């Protein structure tokens, strides 16, 4: 094993190809992931996802939309804009019908809620780290050691 090099401050130096992840950090990340997965937002998302998967009408609409999307690609390759426009209108009508189903709109809202929750968690982590280091500059704040 190669001898590890250190900075003047005693910090280990690593090459760009080395990935250093402390096991305690990974353990806390897994713990946070478990907490998020048991949140109300995720629980509702999973419930709605199952209802959508088991709803024949919703699945038929989704299949029809996917089929029409493939048709658009085919007509675009033939440069038939008239048919592309016609099929796009049909897709929009199918999408409107799908979006009018309450569980579908609730499912979409739950996706947005989970995304917001994840962004909030990332912001808290970033802001907490930023209190200790200048993330933009990569400089340590309140450090007596400088290079």
Protein backbone atom coordinates (compact mmCIF):
# COMPACT_ATOMS: atom_id res chain seq x y z
CA UNK A 1 0.00 0.00 0.00
CA UNK A 2 1.32 3.45 -0.91
CA UNK A 3 2.36 5.83 1.83
CA UNK A 4 -0.29 8.50 2.49
CA UNK A 5 0.74 12.15 2.02
CA UNK A 6 -0.48 15.00 4.24
CA UNK A 7 -0.81 18.79 3.96
CA UNK A 8 0.98 21.11 6.37
CA UNK A 9 -2.23 21.12 8.42
CA UNK A 10 -2.22 17.35 8.73
CA UNK A 11 -5.03 16.75 6.23
CA UNK A 12 -4.65 13.66 4.04
CA UNK A 13 -4.10 14.30 0.33
CA UNK A 14 -5.98 12.17 -2.21
CA UNK A 15 -5.89 11.88 -5.96
CA UNK A 16 -8.98 12.61 -8.05
CA UNK A 17 -9.45 8.91 -8.67
CA UNK A 18 -9.71 8.04 -4.96
CA UNK A 19 -13.18 8.04 -3.43
CA UNK A 20 -13.20 8.64 0.29
CA UNK A 21 -16.49 8.11 2.08
CA UNK A 22 -16.55 7.55 5.80
CA UNK A 23 -18.72 4.66 6.89
CA UNK A 24 -20.34 6.77 9.64
CA UNK A 25 -21.45 9.32 7.03
CA UNK A 26 -22.93 6.56 4.87
CA UNK A 27 -24.69 5.09 7.90
CA UNK A 28 -26.30 8.46 8.70
CA UNK A 29 -27.28 8.89 5.04
CA UNK A 30 -28.99 5.48 5.12
CA UNK A 31 -30.72 6.43 8.37
CA UNK A 32 -31.96 9.66 6.79
CA UNK A 33 -33.15 7.72 3.72
CA UNK A 34 -35.09 5.36 6.00
CA UNK A 35 -36.72 8.31 7.76
CA UNK A 36 -37.69 9.91 4.46
CA UNK A 37 -39.10 6.61 3.15
CA UNK A 38 -41.46 6.46 6.14
CA UNK A 39 -42.65 10.06 5.72
CA UNK A 40 -46.31 10.81 5.02
CA UNK A 41 -45.38 12.08 1.55
CA UNK A 42 -43.69 8.82 0.55
CA UNK A 43 -46.40 6.69 2.15
CA UNK A 44 -49.09 8.53 0.18
CA UNK A 45 -47.04 8.30 -3.03
CA UNK A 46 -46.71 4.52 -2.66
CA UNK A 47 -50.42 4.12 -1.93
CA UNK A 48 -51.40 6.22 -4.96
CA UNK A 49 -48.89 4.38 -7.15
CA UNK A 50 -50.51 1.04 -6.28
CA UNK A 51 -54.00 2.40 -6.96
CA UNK A 52 -52.89 3.70 -10.34
CA UNK A 53 -51.17 0.43 -11.23
CA UNK A 54 -54.35 -1.51 -10.41
CA UNK A 55 -56.76 0.81 -12.23
CA UNK A 56 -57.57 -0.58 -15.69
CA UNK A 57 -58.95 2.72 -17.02
CA UNK A 58 -55.82 4.64 -16.01
CA UNK A 59 -53.55 1.96 -17.47
CA UNK A 60 -55.51 2.01 -20.74
CA UNK A 61 -55.09 5.80 -20.97
CA UNK A 62 -51.36 5.55 -20.23
CA UNK A 63 -50.94 2.85 -22.89
CA UNK A 64 -52.87 4.93 -25.43
CA UNK A 65 -50.67 7.96 -24.74
CA UNK A 66 -47.49 5.90 -25.15
CA UNK A 67 -48.78 4.42 -28.41
CA UNK A 68 -49.61 7.87 -29.76
CA UNK A 69 -46.16 9.15 -28.76
CA UNK A 70 -44.63 6.39 -30.88
CA UNK A 71 -46.92 7.35 -33.76
CA UNK A 72 -45.68 10.94 -33.55
CA UNK A 73 -42.09 9.78 -33.87
CA UNK A 74 -43.01 7.77 -36.97
CA UNK A 75 -44.86 10.66 -38.62
CA UNK A 76 -42.04 13.06 -37.74
CA UNK A 77 -39.61 10.78 -39.56
CA UNK A 78 -41.89 11.02 -42.63
CA UNK A 79 -42.07 14.80 -42.10
CA UNK A 80 -45.86 14.66 -41.95
CA UNK A 81 -46.58 17.67 -39.74
CA UNK A 82 -50.34 17.48 -40.29
CA UNK A 83 -50.51 14.01 -38.71
CA UNK A 84 -48.06 15.05 -35.96
CA UNK A 85 -50.34 17.94 -35.03
CA UNK A 86 -53.42 15.70 -35.12
CA UNK A 87 -51.82 13.09 -32.86
CA UNK A 88 -50.49 15.75 -30.48
CA UNK A 89 -54.08 16.98 -30.06
CA UNK A 90 -55.20 13.42 -29.37
CA UNK A 91 -52.45 13.02 -26.77
CA UNK A 92 -53.45 16.29 -25.12
CA UNK A 93 -57.06 15.09 -24.90
CA UNK A 94 -55.98 11.77 -23.39
CA UNK A 95 -53.66 13.56 -20.96
CA UNK A 96 -56.48 15.90 -19.90
CA UNK A 97 -58.71 12.88 -19.27
CA UNK A 98 -55.95 11.23 -17.26
CA UNK A 99 -55.23 14.38 -15.25
CA UNK A 100 -58.94 14.73 -14.42
CA UNK A 101 -58.84 11.48 -12.42
CA UNK A 102 -58.38 12.49 -8.76
CA UNK A 103 -55.85 9.79 -7.82
CA UNK A 104 -53.65 10.80 -10.77
CA UNK A 105 -53.56 14.46 -9.75
CA UNK A 106 -52.96 13.43 -6.12
CA UNK A 107 -50.13 11.14 -7.29
CA UNK A 108 -48.52 14.00 -9.23
CA UNK A 109 -48.87 16.26 -6.19
CA UNK A 110 -47.22 13.63 -4.00
CA UNK A 111 -44.29 13.48 -6.45
CA UNK A 112 -43.91 17.24 -6.13
CA UNK A 113 -44.14 16.99 -2.33
CA UNK A 114 -41.40 14.36 -2.20
CA UNK A 115 -39.21 16.40 -4.53
CA UNK A 116 -39.71 19.44 -2.31
CA UNK A 117 -38.87 17.39 0.80
CA UNK A 118 -35.64 16.11 -0.80
CA UNK A 119 -34.67 19.61 -1.93
CA UNK A 120 -35.34 20.89 1.59
CA UNK A 121 -33.13 18.19 3.11
CA UNK A 122 -30.35 18.98 0.65
CA UNK A 123 -30.67 22.70 1.43
CA UNK A 124 -30.40 22.05 5.16
CA UNK A 125 -27.30 19.90 4.62
CA UNK A 126 -25.74 22.48 2.30
CA UNK A 127 -26.54 25.37 4.64
CA UNK A 128 -25.23 23.49 7.68
CA UNK A 129 -21.98 22.71 5.88
CA UNK A 130 -21.76 26.29 4.60
CA UNK A 131 -21.69 27.51 8.19
CA UNK A 132 -18.36 25.72 8.58
CA UNK A 133 -16.81 26.12 5.13
CA UNK A 134 -17.24 28.42 2.19
CA UNK A 135 -18.73 25.89 -0.24
CA UNK A 136 -18.43 28.20 -3.25
CA UNK A 137 -14.73 28.85 -2.71
CA UNK A 138 -13.86 25.57 -1.01
CA UNK A 139 -12.18 27.51 1.79
CA UNK A 140 -12.32 26.70 5.47
CA UNK A 141 -13.97 29.35 7.62
CA UNK A 142 -12.47 30.16 11.05
CA UNK A 143 -9.39 28.04 10.45
CA UNK A 144 -6.01 28.87 11.88
CA UNK A 145 -4.30 26.74 9.24
CA UNK A 146 -3.74 28.13 5.74
CA UNK A 147 -1.84 26.84 2.76
